[in-house]
Amino acid sequence: MQSKNVVFLINEYNNHGGAQRVASILTEEFRADGHNVAILSINEQKNVPSYFSDDVPVKVLHPKYRAPQAIEISSNLRDFKFVKVQKELKRRYLLKKKRDEVEEFFKSYGNEDVFVIAIQVYGMQWIRPLLYKQNIKIIGQSHESVAAAKGSKRYKRILSYYRQVSKFLLLTQKDAEHFQEIGFTNTGVMYNPTPFRRFNAPEALYSNKKIVSSGRLIEDKGFDILIEAFAKAAGAIPEWTLHIYGDGPAEKSLASLIRIYGMEQRIFLEGQTEDIQAALEDASFFVLSSKAEGLPMSLIEAQSCGLPCISSDCAPGIREIVEEYQNGFITPVGDTQLLSRHIKRLAQNPELFYSFSESAYNSSLKFDRKVIKNEWYDLFEELGGNLDGQ
């Protein structure tokens, strides 16, 4: 089989976000099939390990520099804001210099086809000159819902850069339809792959009597809602505990909330875990209480271990994972009362739990890493390559 070239364009290769996890899974799969994979990272975190194997080539453009937002020069000159102007001139100089560096990086491939997967849109400004090179096929991705993107600067970048790429991949059909309606002709849908998938007996999971959640401890993840909902249900399910994995700036306020509810012996902030699979297999069911998401890896991973899920209806992707009353429950965002009732319902009804658990594991097949890998190969072939899996 002829090996092909794949380059992942990513903000920080050693950040521990969902995008990095997805890229590392695909990297493992592509390399196992004999293909060449490299990482083009805009920045890096200092002394932080990454999800990627040490033998994967990584090119970091700005090891110690983060490009600020673009600034309009003439208006700032008129207002005598010379420091701002100086920063903008430095930004433009470095952007030009690094774009040249990127072109040199891709010259090493000669005329061979290269599939560039822009995991995050931020990096597109550095590879813009490559958009019109015949041998370079750029695939843009957005790992969040349209609703989440619209509240950020990323949405403008998507409109600016992703219209021109070979393919723009969304996480759900509904999100793809949004961009089709505003004139995009290159959209497609690609699910995130699960890093693991293993059957666990529903009876064993239920006997753990643990509710689990994970994510960065920030306001948008809605852990305060989850804590309140569990506290309301706690009296009716005395043997059950709640375990939250992750770290972040909201840790102290969440710990205070747990104390206010007197739940120190029932709710535990576990910090970051290096083995989320083990944490899931030691739990019973998963709760996502976020205000906005894309296609949450946390839900996909939980289902891949056979955990029923309760999720807030925070993105179109939720209903492509959780089939309500089949493998889990869906609540309106911020609905503490309903979330609390669903927690009690799953904890108090073992037969319902067993049914949801089996269905959750079966429905996770569409996120299996081998399945998703082959869908990527189909896409590469569509774009002009011939990348066959094994």
Protein backbone atom coordinates (compact mmCIF):
# COMPACT_ATOMS: atom_id res chain seq x y z
CA MET A 1 0.00 0.00 0.00
CA GLN A 2 1.37 3.40 -0.96
CA SER A 3 1.93 5.59 2.08
CA LYS A 4 0.38 9.06 2.13
CA ASN A 5 1.16 12.29 3.92
CA VAL A 6 -1.11 13.75 6.60
CA VAL A 7 -0.40 16.94 8.58
CA PHE A 8 -2.50 18.01 11.56
CA LEU A 9 -2.67 21.78 12.03
CA ILE A 10 -3.38 22.49 15.68
CA ASN A 11 -3.18 25.41 18.13
CA GLU A 12 -1.14 23.66 20.83
CA TYR A 13 -0.22 20.05 20.22
CA ASN A 14 0.31 19.41 23.96
CA ASN A 15 -2.90 20.98 25.23
CA HIS A 16 -5.16 18.30 26.76
CA GLY A 17 -8.38 19.28 24.98
CA GLY A 18 -10.78 17.18 22.93
CA ALA A 19 -9.29 18.36 19.61
CA GLN A 20 -5.83 17.14 20.61
CA ARG A 21 -7.25 13.81 21.75
CA VAL A 22 -9.05 13.32 18.43
CA ALA A 23 -5.92 14.19 16.46
CA SER A 24 -3.80 11.78 18.51
CA ILE A 25 -6.27 8.90 17.96
CA LEU A 26 -6.31 9.47 14.20
CA THR A 27 -2.52 9.80 14.18
CA GLU A 28 -2.19 6.38 15.81
CA GLU A 29 -4.58 4.81 13.31
CA PHE A 30 -3.02 6.39 10.20
CA ARG A 31 0.52 5.52 11.27
CA ALA A 32 -0.48 1.94 12.06
CA ASP A 33 -1.55 1.67 8.40
CA GLY A 34 1.87 2.90 7.25
CA HIS A 35 1.09 6.55 6.49
CA ASN A 36 3.30 9.55 7.27
CA VAL A 37 1.83 11.88 9.90
CA ALA A 38 3.28 15.15 11.18
CA ILE A 39 1.99 17.86 13.51
CA LEU A 40 2.16 21.58 12.68
CA SER A 41 1.50 23.34 15.99
CA ILE A 42 1.11 27.11 16.27
CA ASN A 43 2.12 27.25 19.95
CA GLU A 44 3.07 24.85 22.72
CA GLN A 45 2.70 24.67 26.48
CA LYS A 46 5.91 24.65 28.46
CA ASN A 47 7.01 21.28 29.89
CA VAL A 48 3.63 19.60 29.31
CA PRO A 49 3.41 16.07 27.84
CA SER A 50 1.11 15.50 24.87
CA TYR A 51 -1.27 12.76 23.75
CA PHE A 52 0.99 12.12 20.74
CA SER A 53 3.68 9.47 20.65
CA ASP A 54 7.21 10.86 21.03
CA ASP A 55 8.20 9.65 17.56
CA VAL A 56 5.54 11.74 15.78
CA PRO A 57 7.30 14.73 14.14
CA VAL A 58 6.12 18.06 15.61
CA LYS A 59 6.90 21.48 14.11
CA VAL A 60 6.12 24.36 16.52
CA LEU A 61 5.85 27.76 14.85
CA HIS A 62 5.80 30.04 17.91
CA PRO A 63 7.34 28.32 20.95
CA LYS A 64 7.30 31.50 23.08
CA TYR A 65 4.91 33.84 21.27
CA ARG A 66 1.14 34.12 21.02
CA ALA A 67 -0.12 36.26 18.19
CA PRO A 68 -2.53 38.95 19.43
CA GLN A 69 -5.70 39.92 17.61
CA ALA A 70 -5.23 42.00 14.46
CA ILE A 71 -5.44 45.77 15.03
CA GLU A 72 -6.40 48.47 12.52
CA ILE A 73 -3.37 50.74 12.15
CA SER A 74 -4.66 54.07 10.76
CA SER A 75 -7.26 54.74 13.49
CA ASN A 76 -4.75 53.96 16.22
CA LEU A 77 -2.21 56.30 14.64
CA ARG A 78 -4.80 59.06 14.61
CA ASP A 79 -5.40 58.42 18.32
CA PHE A 80 -1.63 58.41 19.03
CA LYS A 81 -1.78 54.81 20.29
CA PHE A 82 1.74 54.04 19.19
CA VAL A 83 2.24 50.98 21.43
CA LYS A 84 -0.77 49.29 19.83
CA VAL A 85 0.55 50.13 16.37
CA GLN A 86 3.96 48.77 17.27
CA LYS A 87 2.42 45.50 18.46
CA GLU A 88 0.42 45.20 15.25
CA LEU A 89 3.50 45.79 13.09
CA LYS A 90 5.33 43.09 15.06
CA ARG A 91 2.36 40.72 14.57
CA ARG A 92 2.36 41.30 10.80
CA TYR A 93 6.12 40.87 10.55
CA LEU A 94 6.05 37.58 12.47
CA LEU A 95 3.03 36.32 10.53
CA LYS A 96 4.85 36.90 7.24
CA LYS A 97 8.02 35.32 8.58
CA LYS A 98 6.18 32.25 9.89
CA ARG A 99 4.12 31.88 6.70
CA ASP A 100 7.42 31.64 4.84
CA GLU A 101 8.53 29.02 7.38
CA VAL A 102 5.34 27.05 6.77
CA GLU A 103 5.91 27.11 3.01
CA GLU A 104 9.42 25.73 3.60
CA PHE A 105 7.93 23.00 5.79
CA PHE A 106 5.61 21.87 3.00
CA LYS A 107 8.32 22.11 0.32
CA SER A 108 9.90 19.05 1.96
CA TYR A 109 6.99 16.99 0.55
CA GLY A 110 7.88 18.00 -3.00
CA ASN A 111 4.94 17.39 -5.35
CA GLU A 112 3.44 14.58 -3.27
CA ASP A 113 -0.15 14.95 -2.09
CA VAL A 114 -0.50 16.23 1.47
CA PHE A 115 -3.77 16.13 3.43
CA VAL A 116 -3.75 19.00 5.93
CA ILE A 117 -6.34 18.60 8.67
CA ALA A 118 -6.95 21.96 10.35
CA ILE A 119 -8.31 20.71 13.67
CA GLN A 120 -8.86 24.33 14.78
CA VAL A 121 -9.50 27.37 12.58
CA TYR A 122 -7.04 29.66 14.42
CA GLY A 123 -4.06 28.15 12.59
CA MET A 124 -5.49 28.88 9.15
CA GLN A 125 -3.96 32.36 9.01
CA TRP A 126 -0.50 30.79 8.85
CA ILE A 127 -1.29 28.41 5.99
CA ARG A 128 -3.46 30.70 3.85
CA PRO A 129 -0.84 30.85 1.04
CA LEU A 130 -1.17 27.06 0.65
CA LEU A 131 -4.87 27.18 -0.26
CA TYR A 132 -4.15 27.29 -3.98
CA LYS A 133 -1.43 24.64 -4.19
CA GLN A 134 -2.68 21.66 -6.19
CA ASN A 135 -0.98 18.96 -4.14
CA ILE A 136 -2.15 20.28 -0.76
CA LYS A 137 -5.71 19.37 0.26
CA ILE A 138 -6.82 21.39 3.28
CA ILE A 139 -9.63 19.97 5.41
CA GLY A 140 -11.09 22.38 7.97
CA GLN A 141 -12.82 21.26 11.14
CA SER A 142 -14.93 22.88 13.83
CA HIS A 143 -15.15 20.93 17.08
CA GLU A 144 -18.03 22.95 18.48
CA SER A 145 -21.62 23.69 17.59
CA VAL A 146 -22.59 26.71 15.49
CA ALA A 147 -24.27 28.19 18.57
CA ALA A 148 -21.03 27.96 20.56
CA ALA A 149 -18.91 29.32 17.69
CA LYS A 150 -21.18 32.29 17.08
CA GLY A 151 -20.40 33.69 20.51
CA SER A 152 -16.69 33.84 19.70
CA LYS A 153 -14.17 35.26 17.22
CA ARG A 154 -13.83 31.77 15.75
CA TYR A 155 -17.05 32.16 13.77
CA LYS A 156 -15.63 35.09 11.75
CA ARG A 157 -12.49 33.08 11.10
CA ILE A 158 -14.58 30.16 9.86
CA LEU A 159 -16.42 32.45 7.44
CA SER A 160 -13.12 33.92 6.26
CA TYR A 161 -11.04 30.75 5.84
CA TYR A 162 -13.18 27.64 5.59
CA ARG A 163 -15.15 28.65 2.49
CA GLN A 164 -11.95 28.11 0.51
CA VAL A 165 -10.74 24.77 1.86
CA SER A 166 -11.17 21.44 0.05
CA LYS A 167 -13.63 20.22 2.69
CA PHE A 168 -15.15 21.75 5.82
CA LEU A 169 -16.22 19.13 8.35
CA LEU A 170 -18.83 19.71 11.05
CA LEU A 171 -19.75 17.43 13.93
CA THR A 172 -23.46 17.22 13.09
CA GLN A 173 -25.70 17.41 10.04
CA LYS A 174 -27.62 20.32 11.55
CA ASP A 175 -24.42 22.37 11.87
CA ALA A 176 -23.43 21.47 8.30
CA GLU A 177 -26.83 22.64 7.06
CA HIS A 178 -26.30 26.03 8.71
CA PHE A 179 -23.22 26.68 6.58
CA GLN A 180 -24.87 25.29 3.46
CA GLU A 181 -27.67 27.81 3.94
CA ILE A 182 -25.18 30.70 3.95
CA GLY A 183 -23.47 29.58 0.76
CA PHE A 184 -20.81 27.02 1.72
CA THR A 185 -20.51 24.30 -0.95
CA ASN A 186 -17.80 22.19 0.71
CA THR A 187 -19.39 20.96 3.93
CA GLY A 188 -19.46 17.44 5.34
CA VAL A 189 -19.96 15.65 8.66
CA MET A 190 -17.35 13.66 10.57
CA TYR A 191 -17.81 12.24 14.07
CA ASN A 192 -15.06 12.22 16.67
CA PRO A 193 -13.63 8.73 17.29
CA THR A 194 -13.61 7.21 20.75
CA PRO A 195 -10.10 6.37 22.03
CA PHE A 196 -11.38 3.13 23.56
CA ARG A 197 -14.42 0.86 23.44
CA ARG A 198 -14.96 -2.05 25.82
CA PHE A 199 -18.05 -3.86 27.02
CA ASN A 200 -18.75 -3.77 30.75
CA ALA A 201 -21.56 -5.85 32.24
CA PRO A 202 -24.47 -3.54 33.16
CA GLU A 203 -24.87 -5.31 36.51
CA ALA A 204 -21.23 -4.59 37.40
CA LEU A 205 -21.55 -0.93 36.41
CA TYR A 206 -24.74 -0.48 38.42
CA SER A 207 -23.15 -2.03 41.51
CA ASN A 208 -20.50 0.75 41.53
CA LYS A 209 -23.23 3.21 42.56
CA LYS A 210 -21.14 6.12 41.24
CA ILE A 211 -22.25 9.01 39.06
CA VAL A 212 -19.42 10.55 37.09
CA SER A 213 -18.79 13.72 35.08
CA SER A 214 -15.68 15.23 33.54
CA GLY A 215 -14.42 18.40 31.87
CA ARG A 216 -12.64 21.63 32.54
CA LEU A 217 -13.88 23.28 35.72
CA ILE A 218 -15.31 26.42 34.16
CA GLU A 219 -18.72 28.10 34.30
CA ASP A 220 -19.83 26.90 30.85
CA LYS A 221 -19.59 23.24 31.94
CA GLY A 222 -22.46 23.73 34.42
CA PHE A 223 -20.97 21.68 37.26
CA ASP A 224 -22.78 23.94 39.74
CA ILE A 225 -26.06 22.75 38.22
CA LEU A 226 -24.97 19.11 38.54
CA ILE A 227 -23.92 19.58 42.17
CA GLU A 228 -27.26 21.18 43.05
CA ALA A 229 -29.21 18.46 41.19
CA PHE A 230 -27.34 15.67 42.96
CA ALA A 231 -27.80 17.37 46.34
CA LYS A 232 -31.58 17.44 45.72
CA ALA A 233 -31.58 13.72 44.85
CA ALA A 234 -29.08 12.58 47.49
CA GLY A 235 -31.59 11.80 50.22
CA ALA A 236 -33.49 9.37 47.97
CA ILE A 237 -30.32 7.52 46.81
CA PRO A 238 -28.20 7.30 50.00
CA GLU A 239 -25.63 4.80 48.67
CA TRP A 240 -24.71 6.83 45.58
CA THR A 241 -21.83 9.30 45.15
CA LEU A 242 -20.87 11.89 42.51
CA HIS A 243 -17.32 12.15 41.15
CA ILE A 244 -16.20 15.09 38.96
CA TYR A 245 -12.92 14.76 37.01
CA GLY A 246 -11.04 17.82 35.74
CA ASP A 247 -9.37 20.98 36.91
CA GLY A 248 -9.83 24.66 36.23
CA PRO A 249 -10.53 28.11 37.69
CA ALA A 250 -13.96 27.19 39.14
CA GLU A 251 -12.53 24.55 41.48
CA LYS A 252 -12.69 26.69 44.65
CA SER A 253 -16.22 27.94 44.03
CA LEU A 254 -17.43 24.39 43.31
CA ALA A 255 -15.77 23.13 46.50
CA SER A 256 -17.55 25.90 48.42
CA LEU A 257 -20.87 24.90 46.85
CA ILE A 258 -20.32 21.29 47.91
CA ARG A 259 -19.72 22.49 51.51
CA ILE A 260 -22.83 24.68 51.42
CA TYR A 261 -24.93 21.62 50.54
CA GLY A 262 -23.14 19.52 53.16
CA MET A 263 -22.13 17.01 50.50
CA GLU A 264 -18.42 16.62 51.31
CA GLN A 265 -18.88 12.87 51.87
CA ARG A 266 -21.00 12.38 48.74
CA ILE A 267 -19.54 14.69 46.03
CA PHE A 268 -15.84 14.56 45.15
CA LEU A 269 -13.73 16.82 42.94
CA GLU A 270 -11.21 14.25 41.71
CA GLY A 271 -8.91 16.55 39.73
CA GLN A 272 -7.42 15.64 36.35
CA THR A 273 -7.12 11.92 35.64
CA GLU A 274 -4.59 10.28 33.34
CA ASP A 275 -6.88 7.25 32.88
CA ILE A 276 -10.44 8.35 32.13
CA GLN A 277 -11.32 4.85 30.89
CA ALA A 278 -10.57 3.35 34.31
CA ALA A 279 -12.60 6.10 35.98
CA LEU A 280 -15.57 5.39 33.71
CA GLU A 281 -15.42 1.62 34.17
CA ASP A 282 -15.44 2.19 37.94
CA ALA A 283 -18.63 4.29 37.64
CA SER A 284 -22.32 3.65 36.86
CA PHE A 285 -23.60 6.48 34.67
CA PHE A 286 -22.40 9.78 33.26
CA VAL A 287 -23.92 13.26 33.50
CA LEU A 288 -23.12 16.22 31.21
CA SER A 289 -24.58 19.52 32.45
CA SER A 290 -22.87 21.92 30.02
CA LYS A 291 -24.35 25.13 28.63
CA ALA A 292 -22.74 24.67 25.18
CA GLU A 293 -20.84 21.83 23.46
CA GLY A 294 -20.15 20.38 20.01
CA LEU A 295 -20.04 16.58 19.91
CA PRO A 296 -18.75 15.93 23.44
CA MET A 297 -15.96 13.37 23.67
CA SER A 298 -16.92 12.79 27.31
CA LEU A 299 -20.34 11.39 26.32
CA ILE A 300 -18.87 9.27 23.53
CA GLU A 301 -16.24 7.81 25.89
CA ALA A 302 -18.85 7.08 28.56
CA GLN A 303 -21.09 5.23 26.09
CA SER A 304 -18.08 3.28 24.83
CA CYS A 305 -17.77 1.79 28.31
CA GLY A 306 -21.50 1.04 28.46
CA LEU A 307 -22.49 3.93 30.72
CA PRO A 308 -25.99 5.39 30.30
CA CYS A 309 -25.82 9.18 29.95
CA ILE A 310 -27.87 12.12 31.13
CA SER A 311 -27.09 15.28 29.17
CA SER A 312 -28.26 18.84 28.92
CA ASP A 313 -29.62 19.69 25.46
CA CYS A 314 -26.65 22.00 24.86
CA ALA A 315 -25.88 21.25 21.18
CA PRO A 316 -27.31 19.45 18.12
CA GLY A 317 -24.66 16.79 18.61
CA ILE A 318 -26.16 15.64 21.89
CA ARG A 319 -29.09 13.92 20.15
CA GLU A 320 -26.67 12.18 17.77
CA ILE A 321 -25.14 10.49 20.83
CA VAL A 322 -27.94 10.18 23.39
CA GLU A 323 -31.15 8.54 22.20
CA GLU A 324 -33.67 9.70 24.78
CA TYR A 325 -35.41 6.89 26.68
CA GLN A 326 -33.22 4.36 24.82
CA ASN A 327 -29.75 4.88 26.28
CA GLY A 328 -30.15 7.99 28.42
CA PHE A 329 -32.05 11.17 29.22
CA ILE A 330 -31.82 14.73 27.88
CA THR A 331 -32.72 17.81 29.93
CA PRO A 332 -33.07 21.50 29.00
CA VAL A 333 -29.93 23.51 29.81
CA GLY A 334 -29.99 24.61 33.46
CA ASP A 335 -33.04 22.53 34.46
CA THR A 336 -31.86 21.40 37.90
CA GLN A 337 -35.21 19.90 38.90
CA LEU A 338 -35.51 17.59 35.87
CA LEU A 339 -31.84 16.64 36.07
CA SER A 340 -32.32 15.66 39.70
CA ARG A 341 -35.38 13.52 38.84
CA HIS A 342 -33.50 11.74 36.03
CA ILE A 343 -30.57 11.01 38.38
CA LYS A 344 -32.99 9.40 40.85
CA ARG A 345 -34.75 7.49 38.07
CA LEU A 346 -31.57 5.81 36.80
CA ALA A 347 -30.20 5.16 40.30
CA GLN A 348 -33.43 3.66 41.63
CA ASN A 349 -34.37 1.45 38.63
CA PRO A 350 -31.79 -1.28 37.94
CA GLU A 351 -33.79 -2.84 35.08
CA LEU A 352 -34.03 0.53 33.31
CA PHE A 353 -30.31 1.03 33.95
CA TYR A 354 -29.42 -2.37 32.43
CA SER A 355 -31.46 -1.63 29.30
CA PHE A 356 -29.90 1.82 28.85
CA SER A 357 -26.41 0.43 29.45
CA GLU A 358 -26.64 -2.24 26.75
CA SER A 359 -28.12 0.26 24.29
CA ALA A 360 -25.42 2.82 25.08
CA TYR A 361 -22.63 0.37 24.29
CA ASN A 362 -24.27 -0.80 21.05
CA SER A 363 -24.89 2.75 19.80
CA SER A 364 -21.25 3.69 20.46
CA LEU A 365 -20.16 1.53 17.50
CA LYS A 366 -20.58 4.46 15.09
CA PHE A 367 -17.83 6.28 17.02
CA ASP A 368 -15.38 3.36 16.98
CA ARG A 369 -11.92 4.51 15.93
CA LYS A 370 -11.67 1.93 13.12
CA VAL A 371 -15.04 3.01 11.72
CA ILE A 372 -14.07 6.71 11.79
CA LYS A 373 -10.63 5.98 10.33
CA ASN A 374 -12.20 4.37 7.28
CA GLU A 375 -14.53 7.34 6.83
CA TRP A 376 -11.44 9.57 6.72
CA TYR A 377 -9.91 7.31 4.08
CA ASP A 378 -13.09 7.63 2.00
CA LEU A 379 -12.80 11.41 2.28
CA PHE A 380 -9.14 11.40 1.22
CA GLU A 381 -10.07 9.36 -1.84
CA GLU A 382 -12.89 11.78 -2.65
CA LEU A 383 -10.40 14.67 -2.52
CA GLY A 384 -8.07 13.04 -4.97
CA GLY A 385 -5.89 10.73 -2.93
CA ASN A 386 -5.98 6.96 -2.75
CA LEU A 387 -5.57 6.20 0.93
CA ASP A 388 -6.79 2.67 1.60
CA GLY A 389 -6.95 1.28 5.11
CA GLN A 390 -6.00 -2.20 6.18
